[in-house]
Amino acid sequence: MRTIFQIVSLVFFSHLSSGWALDIALPEMGDSAGELISPREEQEIGQAFFWRLQQSTDLVEDPEVNSYIQSLGYRLASNSNEPNLNYTFFVVPDATVNAFATPGGYVGVNSGLILTAANEDELASVMSHEIAHITQRHILRSFENSKRMTIPRTAAMIAAALLGAADPKAGSAAIMAVQAGSIQSQIDYTRANEAEADNIGMQTLVKSGFNPDAMPSFFEKLQQASRFYGGDAIPEFLRTHPVTTSRIADARGRASQYKVKPRLSDHEQFYLVREKLRVMMAQDSQDLIKYYQQQLTEDKPENKDPLNYGYVLALMKSAQYTLARQRLMPLIEKEPDRLAYQLALADIELSVGRVDAALAIYEDNQRLYPDDRALTLNEVHALLTTGRPDKAAKLLQTQIELGETGRQIYKLMAQAKGDMGQKSESHAWLAEYYYQSGLLKAAADQLHLAAEAAGHDEYQLSKIASRLREVENAMSEMEN
């Protein structure tokens, strides 16, 4: 009998259509559902989904944004019912207000949701809700209620629903030939599941030091906003997580039970990341500059630093580096140890050709923030573009030894090793990049090239052969 991984892979890669056939709520997974699927199979479904997502859409790869969302996610996950699950948190560059969770601990947040959240507590409330959907395994709970469903059909439905909810607008993505109506009849955001995710998510929120009132406040904000929309314009989060007046009232009632409430967190990094995403998502630099100029004349004084930071990034985006520096320096004088400001200054220096000045900024901040992922990756980019791959490789190796992984690190390491003339290792690291991207054939090809370049290095050949067997086994799982 095929494993769940094989079934999901078959659905992902064999039954393709020209567009998305689904516009349904993302389902999640439950407790006694373990009888239907094992934790290992759950991880395999999540990984297969994440591979497919990376092939169908570009995820945000900015080191600062990713470091922030992962840090916030791990903080919440560590206070969840399953703190030891291998969670992956990521941002999708999509303006729609949505978030979603998949089996295996994958939590995606659309950039539009981050831009809509008024503060970190509101963002954390949504993420804790999604984490609760994972820990309660709501997807499988919904399928358990249908005894007529075979395991293959169940896996196909889960895969289709996950992909459809991850990116409802992806008309260019190849997805599934599973009837939308059939899926809609089997997967449902029941009120019980949503209430459970709200309840458990709020517990996680409070344990993590956030204000529980943020959850009903954010739901209420979305509900009020939906009154000004019509038809397809309703925020996607409301489609996938129906918000009713009674649900908001229930959430407020639960929040009121927490007698000692944390002060509404005012973490500056949230506001800075939000402005960075705003700049990244903007299509027209001049409109963006006008936006910040207007906001800086209208907004409250306490909000001006993040807005000025966004303005600096907008000026940089339009190559106005002199003016960007002028706007940035007062922020640095006020908070000289704020890493986001220092990285922006280094970017300006690199953009105008002052490479040594940029590298000096990175080195100074390495003493303050040793082994910081965002700082390291920015410095690595600078080192590679200026012909210093040996130091870049050392910095990346330190990150890997600290447990940092991901496509970005592997691709940079492949470049560094290639620039150093270490062709076998370069191909081996590029294989890891392709594997993380779900491009298993490309990964195997790179490992073959790595073996050819290894010559008579028995140790390197042994490592390559072992990894090649693992990749080929994964390929076989997907093909059978």
Foldseek 3Di string as FASTA:
>chain_A
DFALLQLLLCQFPPAWDLFQQAQAAQAFFADVLCVLPPLVSLQSLVLSLQLQVVVLAPWDPQQLLLLVQVVLLLLLLCLAPCNPQPADETEGADLFAAWAEGGRHYIYGYLNVLLVQPAPLLVLLVSLLRVQRHHRIGLSVLQVVPPVDDSSNSSSLNSSSNVCLVDVPRSRRIHGPDHRVVSPVRGDPDPVSSLSSNLSSLSSSVVSQAQLLSHLVSLVVLVVVQVVDDDPPRRSHCRNRPRDPVSSVVSVVSSVVPPDGHDHDHDPSSLLSSLVSVLVSDDDLVVQLVVLVVCCVPDDPVSNLSSLSSNLVSCVVVVVLVVSVVSLVVSCVVPVLPVSSLLSVLVSCVSVPNLVVSLVSLVVNCVVVPLSRSSLLSNLVSCLVVLNLVVNLVSLVVNVVVVDDALSSLQSNLSSCVSVVNQLSSLQSVLVNCVSSVNLVSSLVSLVVSCVSVPPPVVSNVVSVVVNVVSVVSVVSNPD
